[in-house]
Structures are given as C-alpha cells and as structure tokens.
Amino acid sequence: MQGRAYVYNARIAREQAARRSLREWIQRYWGGAVVPAVSMMLGGEKLRREDVEALHELVERLAPEEGTPHDDH
C-alpha cells in the first residue's frame, strides 16, 4: 500500500500472458494449427511490404534446421 492507495503488480509479464493466451486460443479454436489462425487474424488484409519482410524473417528464424526433428509441444 502506498499512502492510501493499493498498488498491484502483475504476477507475470504482459508478453508472457499474451503468449499463453494466444497459445490457448490457437489450441482451442484451431486445434493447434498456426497457419489457419494467422490467416484468420490477417483477415485478407493487404500487408505492407515491410510487414511481409518481417514475417518472412520471423518464419525463417523459427523454422527448424534441416534434419532437426520438429517438436509439436
């Protein structure tokens, strides 16, 4: 308590909470399939070239190396 006000702090970081919530949503509505979930989120919107390039870089970074078994946690 600070003065007469209660001060609350989050138990987990916003990013961690968002990641957990998104993971649960993808599992619940899409059976864990990421591509249909991302496709629905984009909703047919035209993406800026910078967004497409950033998404491409993200996919490349997240893709398993060749010969590495894929883990479906």
N, C-alpha and C. Protein backbone atom coordinates (compact mmCIF):
# COMPACT_ATOMS: atom_id res chain seq x y z
N MET A 1 0.85 -1.17 0.00
CA MET A 1 0.00 0.00 0.00
C MET A 1 0.90 1.24 0.00
N GLN A 2 0.59 2.16 -0.89
CA GLN A 2 1.32 3.43 -0.96
C GLN A 2 0.36 4.53 -0.54
N GLY A 3 0.67 5.16 0.56
CA GLY A 3 -0.26 6.17 1.06
C GLY A 3 -1.58 5.50 1.37
N ARG A 4 -2.64 5.97 0.71
CA ARG A 4 -3.97 5.38 0.91
C ARG A 4 -4.38 4.49 -0.26
N ALA A 5 -3.51 4.32 -1.24
CA ALA A 5 -3.85 3.53 -2.42
C ALA A 5 -3.13 2.19 -2.41
N TYR A 6 -3.82 1.17 -2.86
CA TYR A 6 -3.19 -0.14 -3.03
C TYR A 6 -2.49 -0.16 -4.38
N VAL A 7 -1.30 -0.70 -4.41
CA VAL A 7 -0.54 -0.81 -5.65
C VAL A 7 -0.43 -2.30 -5.98
N TYR A 8 -0.91 -2.66 -7.16
CA TYR A 8 -0.87 -4.05 -7.60
C TYR A 8 0.19 -4.21 -8.67
N ASN A 9 0.91 -5.29 -8.62
CA ASN A 9 1.89 -5.63 -9.64
C ASN A 9 1.48 -6.95 -10.27
N ALA A 10 1.65 -7.04 -11.58
CA ALA A 10 1.31 -8.27 -12.29
C ALA A 10 2.24 -9.39 -11.85
N ARG A 11 1.68 -10.59 -11.74
CA ARG A 11 2.50 -11.73 -11.35
C ARG A 11 3.32 -12.24 -12.53
N ILE A 12 2.82 -12.03 -13.74
CA ILE A 12 3.58 -12.41 -14.93
C ILE A 12 3.61 -11.22 -15.88
N ALA A 13 4.61 -11.19 -16.73
CA ALA A 13 4.77 -10.08 -17.67
C ALA A 13 3.66 -10.10 -18.71
N ARG A 14 3.33 -8.94 -19.23
CA ARG A 14 2.28 -8.82 -20.25
C ARG A 14 2.57 -9.72 -21.45
N GLU A 15 3.81 -9.74 -21.91
CA GLU A 15 4.17 -10.56 -23.07
C GLU A 15 3.95 -12.04 -22.77
N GLN A 16 4.32 -12.47 -21.58
CA GLN A 16 4.13 -13.87 -21.19
C GLN A 16 2.64 -14.21 -21.13
N ALA A 17 1.83 -13.31 -20.59
CA ALA A 17 0.38 -13.54 -20.51
C ALA A 17 -0.23 -13.58 -21.91
N ALA A 18 0.20 -12.69 -22.78
CA ALA A 18 -0.32 -12.65 -24.14
C ALA A 18 0.06 -13.92 -24.88
N ARG A 19 1.31 -14.37 -24.72
CA ARG A 19 1.76 -15.59 -25.39
C ARG A 19 0.94 -16.79 -24.94
N ARG A 20 0.72 -16.89 -23.64
CA ARG A 20 -0.05 -18.01 -23.09
C ARG A 20 -1.49 -17.97 -23.61
N SER A 21 -2.09 -16.79 -23.60
CA SER A 21 -3.47 -16.64 -24.06
C SER A 21 -3.59 -16.99 -25.54
N LEU A 22 -2.65 -16.51 -26.35
CA LEU A 22 -2.67 -16.79 -27.78
C LEU A 22 -2.49 -18.28 -28.04
N ARG A 23 -1.56 -18.90 -27.33
CA ARG A 23 -1.33 -20.34 -27.48
C ARG A 23 -2.61 -21.13 -27.16
N GLU A 24 -3.29 -20.73 -26.08
CA GLU A 24 -4.54 -21.40 -25.70
C GLU A 24 -5.62 -21.19 -26.75
N TRP A 25 -5.71 -19.97 -27.30
CA TRP A 25 -6.70 -19.66 -28.34
C TRP A 25 -6.45 -20.49 -29.59
N ILE A 26 -5.19 -20.57 -30.01
CA ILE A 26 -4.85 -21.36 -31.20
C ILE A 26 -5.20 -22.83 -30.96
N GLN A 27 -4.91 -23.33 -29.79
CA GLN A 27 -5.23 -24.72 -29.48
C GLN A 27 -6.74 -24.94 -29.46
N ARG A 28 -7.47 -24.06 -28.81
CA ARG A 28 -8.92 -24.22 -28.65
C ARG A 28 -9.66 -24.11 -29.98
N TYR A 29 -9.36 -23.08 -30.75
CA TYR A 29 -10.13 -22.82 -31.96
C TYR A 29 -9.56 -23.44 -33.23
N TRP A 30 -8.28 -23.71 -33.23
CA TRP A 30 -7.64 -24.18 -34.45
C TRP A 30 -6.93 -25.51 -34.26
N GLY A 31 -7.15 -26.16 -33.12
CA GLY A 31 -6.51 -27.46 -32.87
C GLY A 31 -5.00 -27.39 -32.87
N GLY A 32 -4.47 -26.22 -32.56
CA GLY A 32 -3.02 -26.04 -32.51
C GLY A 32 -2.40 -25.65 -33.84
N ALA A 33 -3.21 -25.54 -34.89
CA ALA A 33 -2.69 -25.19 -36.22
C ALA A 33 -2.47 -23.68 -36.32
N VAL A 34 -1.22 -23.28 -36.51
CA VAL A 34 -0.86 -21.87 -36.52
C VAL A 34 -1.27 -21.17 -37.81
N VAL A 35 -1.10 -21.81 -38.96
CA VAL A 35 -1.36 -21.15 -40.25
C VAL A 35 -2.81 -20.69 -40.37
N PRO A 36 -3.82 -21.53 -40.09
CA PRO A 36 -5.19 -21.01 -40.19
C PRO A 36 -5.47 -19.89 -39.19
N ALA A 37 -4.86 -19.96 -38.01
CA ALA A 37 -5.05 -18.91 -37.01
C ALA A 37 -4.48 -17.59 -37.50
N VAL A 38 -3.28 -17.62 -38.05
CA VAL A 38 -2.65 -16.39 -38.56
C VAL A 38 -3.45 -15.86 -39.75
N SER A 39 -3.89 -16.76 -40.61
CA SER A 39 -4.69 -16.36 -41.77
C SER A 39 -5.97 -15.66 -41.34
N MET A 40 -6.63 -16.19 -40.32
CA MET A 40 -7.85 -15.57 -39.81
C MET A 40 -7.54 -14.21 -39.20
N MET A 41 -6.44 -14.10 -38.46
CA MET A 41 -6.09 -12.83 -37.84
C MET A 41 -5.81 -11.75 -38.88
N LEU A 42 -5.18 -12.14 -39.97
CA LEU A 42 -4.89 -11.16 -41.02
C LEU A 42 -6.15 -10.80 -41.78
N GLY A 43 -7.09 -11.71 -41.83
CA GLY A 43 -8.40 -11.42 -42.41
C GLY A 43 -8.40 -10.91 -43.83
N GLY A 44 -7.47 -11.34 -44.64
CA GLY A 44 -7.43 -10.90 -46.03
C GLY A 44 -6.92 -9.48 -46.21
N GLU A 45 -6.40 -8.89 -45.15
CA GLU A 45 -5.87 -7.53 -45.24
C GLU A 45 -4.62 -7.51 -46.12
N LYS A 46 -4.46 -6.41 -46.84
CA LYS A 46 -3.22 -6.22 -47.59
C LYS A 46 -2.14 -5.83 -46.60
N LEU A 47 -1.01 -6.50 -46.68
CA LEU A 47 0.10 -6.21 -45.78
C LEU A 47 1.09 -5.27 -46.47
N ARG A 48 1.70 -4.43 -45.67
CA ARG A 48 2.77 -3.58 -46.20
C ARG A 48 3.98 -4.45 -46.49
N ARG A 49 4.78 -4.06 -47.43
CA ARG A 49 5.98 -4.81 -47.80
C ARG A 49 6.87 -5.06 -46.58
N GLU A 50 7.00 -4.05 -45.71
CA GLU A 50 7.83 -4.19 -44.51
C GLU A 50 7.29 -5.30 -43.60
N ASP A 51 5.95 -5.39 -43.50
CA ASP A 51 5.34 -6.43 -42.68
C ASP A 51 5.61 -7.82 -43.26
N VAL A 52 5.49 -7.93 -44.57
CA VAL A 52 5.75 -9.21 -45.24
C VAL A 52 7.20 -9.63 -45.01
N GLU A 53 8.12 -8.69 -45.16
CA GLU A 53 9.54 -8.99 -44.95
C GLU A 53 9.81 -9.40 -43.50
N ALA A 54 9.20 -8.70 -42.55
CA ALA A 54 9.38 -9.04 -41.13
C ALA A 54 8.81 -10.42 -40.83
N LEU A 55 7.65 -10.74 -41.41
CA LEU A 55 7.06 -12.06 -41.19
C LEU A 55 7.93 -13.15 -41.81
N HIS A 56 8.47 -12.87 -42.98
CA HIS A 56 9.36 -13.84 -43.63
C HIS A 56 10.58 -14.10 -42.76
N GLU A 57 11.18 -13.06 -42.23
CA GLU A 57 12.35 -13.21 -41.36
C GLU A 57 12.00 -14.00 -40.10
N LEU A 58 10.82 -13.75 -39.56
CA LEU A 58 10.37 -14.47 -38.37
C LEU A 58 10.21 -15.96 -38.67
N VAL A 59 9.58 -16.27 -39.79
CA VAL A 59 9.39 -17.68 -40.17
C VAL A 59 10.73 -18.35 -40.37
N GLU A 60 11.65 -17.68 -41.03
CA GLU A 60 12.98 -18.26 -41.24
C GLU A 60 13.68 -18.51 -39.91
N ARG A 61 13.55 -17.59 -38.98
CA ARG A 61 14.20 -17.73 -37.68
C ARG A 61 13.58 -18.87 -36.87
N LEU A 62 12.27 -19.06 -36.99
CA LEU A 62 11.57 -20.06 -36.20
C LEU A 62 11.57 -21.46 -36.83
N ALA A 63 11.87 -21.52 -38.11
CA ALA A 63 11.85 -22.81 -38.82
C ALA A 63 12.96 -23.71 -38.27
N PRO A 64 12.63 -25.00 -38.08
CA PRO A 64 13.68 -25.91 -37.62
C PRO A 64 14.75 -26.09 -38.70
N GLU A 65 15.95 -26.32 -38.25
CA GLU A 65 17.04 -26.59 -39.19
C GLU A 65 16.74 -27.88 -39.92
N GLU A 66 17.23 -28.00 -41.15
CA GLU A 66 17.03 -29.24 -41.90
C GLU A 66 17.65 -30.40 -41.13
N GLY A 67 16.93 -31.51 -41.08
CA GLY A 67 17.43 -32.68 -40.37
C GLY A 67 17.13 -32.66 -38.89
N THR A 68 16.59 -31.54 -38.38
CA THR A 68 16.24 -31.44 -36.98
C THR A 68 14.79 -31.87 -36.81
N PRO A 69 14.52 -32.79 -35.88
CA PRO A 69 13.13 -33.19 -35.69
C PRO A 69 12.29 -32.01 -35.17
N HIS A 70 11.07 -31.90 -35.69
CA HIS A 70 10.16 -30.82 -35.29
C HIS A 70 9.47 -31.22 -34.00
N ASP A 71 9.42 -30.30 -33.05
CA ASP A 71 8.81 -30.55 -31.74
C ASP A 71 7.44 -29.89 -31.71
N ASP A 72 6.37 -30.67 -31.56
CA ASP A 72 5.00 -30.13 -31.52
C ASP A 72 4.50 -29.93 -30.12
N HIS A 73 5.25 -29.24 -29.24
CA HIS A 73 4.81 -29.12 -27.84
C HIS A 73 3.40 -28.83 -27.81
